[in-house]
């Protein structure tokens, strides 16, 4: 089952950032065992462009789609047997300590 893992900042990180695992090791282990299909960091929110169409008119806005202090800074595409396995993968990511992780399964069009 495929999951998109959003890697986000958080206003309340763990008090001990040294407890976070090394991100390079996390990537290498997940790539080696086939749980991570791809992933990357994102440019800062100031580089974002929001696209909307209203009344047939194209509306472009600089920056992210929402006013928030937490931002998506990266993503990983995971292949896991189930949500429990995806949670185990996410909980071992360094940003689970310093930020937050959102897991979202892909829509099942066969259901």
C-alpha atoms as a PDB file:
ATOM      1  CA  UNK A   1       0.000   0.000   0.000  1.00  0.00           C
ATOM      2  CA  UNK A   2       1.366   3.415  -0.939  1.00  0.00           C
ATOM      3  CA  UNK A   3       1.474   6.336   1.499  1.00  0.00           C
ATOM      4  CA  UNK A   4       2.550   9.909   0.970  1.00  0.00           C
ATOM      5  CA  UNK A   5       4.492  11.077   3.992  1.00  0.00           C
ATOM      6  CA  UNK A   6       4.468  14.851   4.409  1.00  0.00           C
ATOM      7  CA  UNK A   7       7.456  16.076   6.421  1.00  0.00           C
ATOM      8  CA  UNK A   8       6.493  19.282   8.242  1.00  0.00           C
ATOM      9  CA  UNK A   9       7.943  21.779  10.674  1.00  0.00           C
ATOM     10  CA  UNK A  10       6.322  22.194  14.080  1.00  0.00           C
ATOM     11  CA  UNK A  11       6.191  25.002  16.612  1.00  0.00           C
ATOM     12  CA  UNK A  12       6.698  22.491  19.456  1.00  0.00           C
ATOM     13  CA  UNK A  13       9.698  20.258  18.657  1.00  0.00           C
ATOM     14  CA  UNK A  14      11.020  17.625  21.056  1.00  0.00           C
ATOM     15  CA  UNK A  15      12.988  19.254  23.867  1.00  0.00           C
ATOM     16  CA  UNK A  16      15.987  17.020  23.064  1.00  0.00           C
ATOM     17  CA  UNK A  17      16.827  17.307  19.356  1.00  0.00           C
ATOM     18  CA  UNK A  18      19.892  15.093  19.840  1.00  0.00           C
ATOM     19  CA  UNK A  19      17.512  12.131  20.245  1.00  0.00           C
ATOM     20  CA  UNK A  20      16.515  12.404  16.579  1.00  0.00           C
ATOM     21  CA  UNK A  21      18.016   9.793  14.253  1.00  0.00           C
ATOM     22  CA  UNK A  22      20.352  10.746  11.409  1.00  0.00           C
ATOM     23  CA  UNK A  23      18.352  11.549   8.257  1.00  0.00           C
ATOM     24  CA  UNK A  24      20.968  10.111   5.871  1.00  0.00           C
ATOM     25  CA  UNK A  25      20.877   6.793   7.728  1.00  0.00           C
ATOM     26  CA  UNK A  26      17.046   6.844   7.745  1.00  0.00           C
ATOM     27  CA  UNK A  27      16.970   7.386   3.958  1.00  0.00           C
ATOM     28  CA  UNK A  28      19.580   4.691   3.264  1.00  0.00           C
ATOM     29  CA  UNK A  29      17.775   2.093   5.411  1.00  0.00           C
ATOM     30  CA  UNK A  30      14.342   2.816   3.931  1.00  0.00           C
ATOM     31  CA  UNK A  31      15.697   2.814   0.365  1.00  0.00           C
ATOM     32  CA  UNK A  32      17.515  -0.489   0.972  1.00  0.00           C
ATOM     33  CA  UNK A  33      14.438  -2.291   2.295  1.00  0.00           C
ATOM     34  CA  UNK A  34      12.089  -0.882  -0.360  1.00  0.00           C
ATOM     35  CA  UNK A  35       9.867   1.108   2.000  1.00  0.00           C
ATOM     36  CA  UNK A  36      10.876   4.482   0.509  1.00  0.00           C
ATOM     37  CA  UNK A  37      10.167   4.757  -3.203  1.00  0.00           C
ATOM     38  CA  UNK A  38      11.233   8.409  -3.509  1.00  0.00           C
ATOM     39  CA  UNK A  39      11.445  11.618  -1.543  1.00  0.00           C
ATOM     40  CA  UNK A  40      13.010  15.044  -1.462  1.00  0.00           C
ATOM     41  CA  UNK A  41      13.218  18.335   0.363  1.00  0.00           C
ATOM     42  CA  UNK A  42      11.122  21.248  -0.861  1.00  0.00           C
ATOM     43  CA  UNK A  43      12.124  24.847  -1.498  1.00  0.00           C
ATOM     44  CA  UNK A  44      10.967  27.304   1.213  1.00  0.00           C
ATOM     45  CA  UNK A  45       7.353  28.543   1.276  1.00  0.00           C
ATOM     46  CA  UNK A  46       8.506  31.859  -0.191  1.00  0.00           C
ATOM     47  CA  UNK A  47       9.155  29.983  -3.461  1.00  0.00           C
ATOM     48  CA  UNK A  48       5.583  28.605  -3.604  1.00  0.00           C
ATOM     49  CA  UNK A  49       2.920  29.664  -6.085  1.00  0.00           C
ATOM     50  CA  UNK A  50      -0.748  28.971  -5.363  1.00  0.00           C
ATOM     51  CA  UNK A  51      -2.945  28.400  -8.434  1.00  0.00           C
ATOM     52  CA  UNK A  52      -6.731  28.844  -8.422  1.00  0.00           C
ATOM     53  CA  UNK A  53      -9.388  29.325 -11.094  1.00  0.00           C
ATOM     54  CA  UNK A  54     -12.489  31.294 -10.085  1.00  0.00           C
ATOM     55  CA  UNK A  55     -15.175  32.295 -12.553  1.00  0.00           C
ATOM     56  CA  UNK A  56     -12.917  31.140 -15.380  1.00  0.00           C
ATOM     57  CA  UNK A  57     -10.146  33.520 -14.291  1.00  0.00           C
ATOM     58  CA  UNK A  58      -6.669  32.304 -13.368  1.00  0.00           C
ATOM     59  CA  UNK A  59      -5.602  33.602  -9.960  1.00  0.00           C
ATOM     60  CA  UNK A  60      -1.974  33.249  -8.871  1.00  0.00           C
ATOM     61  CA  UNK A  61      -0.670  34.001  -5.396  1.00  0.00           C
ATOM     62  CA  UNK A  62       2.886  34.021  -4.110  1.00  0.00           C
ATOM     63  CA  UNK A  63       3.561  31.788  -1.160  1.00  0.00           C
ATOM     64  CA  UNK A  64       1.795  28.847   0.415  1.00  0.00           C
ATOM     65  CA  UNK A  65      -1.935  28.212   0.260  1.00  0.00           C
ATOM     66  CA  UNK A  66      -2.493  28.884   3.958  1.00  0.00           C
ATOM     67  CA  UNK A  67      -1.315  31.239   6.665  1.00  0.00           C
ATOM     68  CA  UNK A  68       0.429  28.918   9.087  1.00  0.00           C
ATOM     69  CA  UNK A  69       3.605  28.658  11.101  1.00  0.00           C
ATOM     70  CA  UNK A  70       4.021  24.980  10.231  1.00  0.00           C
ATOM     71  CA  UNK A  71       5.088  24.257   6.659  1.00  0.00           C
ATOM     72  CA  UNK A  72       5.673  21.178   4.524  1.00  0.00           C
ATOM     73  CA  UNK A  73       9.432  20.937   4.012  1.00  0.00           C
ATOM     74  CA  UNK A  74       9.640  17.595   2.225  1.00  0.00           C
ATOM     75  CA  UNK A  75       7.921  14.370   1.320  1.00  0.00           C
ATOM     76  CA  UNK A  76       8.535  10.661   0.943  1.00  0.00           C
ATOM     77  CA  UNK A  77       6.553   8.136  -1.056  1.00  0.00           C
ATOM     78  CA  UNK A  78       6.330   4.949   0.983  1.00  0.00           C
ATOM     79  CA  UNK A  79       5.398   1.379   0.115  1.00  0.00           C
ATOM     80  CA  UNK A  80       4.215  -0.386   3.266  1.00  0.00           C
ATOM     81  CA  UNK A  81       2.107  -3.435   4.034  1.00  0.00           C
ATOM     82  CA  UNK A  82      -0.326  -1.393   6.118  1.00  0.00           C
ATOM     83  CA  UNK A  83      -0.767   1.740   8.242  1.00  0.00           C
ATOM     84  CA  UNK A  84       1.054   0.172  11.195  1.00  0.00           C
ATOM     85  CA  UNK A  85       4.190  -0.316   9.098  1.00  0.00           C
ATOM     86  CA  UNK A  86       3.892   3.242   7.706  1.00  0.00           C
ATOM     87  CA  UNK A  87       3.644   4.576  11.268  1.00  0.00           C
ATOM     88  CA  UNK A  88       6.806   2.654  12.233  1.00  0.00           C
ATOM     89  CA  UNK A  89       8.616   4.210   9.270  1.00  0.00           C
ATOM     90  CA  UNK A  90       7.344   7.720  10.124  1.00  0.00           C
ATOM     91  CA  UNK A  91       8.140   7.506  13.831  1.00  0.00           C
ATOM     92  CA  UNK A  92      11.786   6.777  13.056  1.00  0.00           C
ATOM     93  CA  UNK A  93      12.176   9.855  10.799  1.00  0.00           C
ATOM     94  CA  UNK A  94      14.175  12.730  12.380  1.00  0.00           C
ATOM     95  CA  UNK A  95      11.373  15.223  11.741  1.00  0.00           C
ATOM     96  CA  UNK A  96       9.051  13.178  13.943  1.00  0.00           C
ATOM     97  CA  UNK A  97      11.221  14.630  16.740  1.00  0.00           C
ATOM     98  CA  UNK A  98      11.820  18.119  15.378  1.00  0.00           C
ATOM     99  CA  UNK A  99       8.642  18.591  13.360  1.00  0.00           C
ATOM    100  CA  UNK A 100       5.654  16.482  12.472  1.00  0.00           C
ATOM    101  CA  UNK A 101       4.843  13.776   9.961  1.00  0.00           C
ATOM    102  CA  UNK A 102       1.526  13.348   8.169  1.00  0.00           C
ATOM    103  CA  UNK A 103       0.776  10.003   6.547  1.00  0.00           C
ATOM    104  CA  UNK A 104      -1.845   9.851   3.847  1.00  0.00           C
ATOM    105  CA  UNK A 105      -2.758   6.699   1.908  1.00  0.00           C
ATOM    106  CA  UNK A 106      -3.318   6.961  -1.803  1.00  0.00           C
ATOM    107  CA  UNK A 107      -6.941   6.813  -2.920  1.00  0.00           C
ATOM    108  CA  UNK A 108      -8.017   3.283  -3.768  1.00  0.00           C
ATOM    109  CA  UNK A 109      -9.898   3.585  -7.061  1.00  0.00           C
ATOM    110  CA  UNK A 110     -10.717  -0.147  -6.952  1.00  0.00           C
ATOM    111  CA  UNK A 111     -12.743   0.133  -3.739  1.00  0.00           C
END
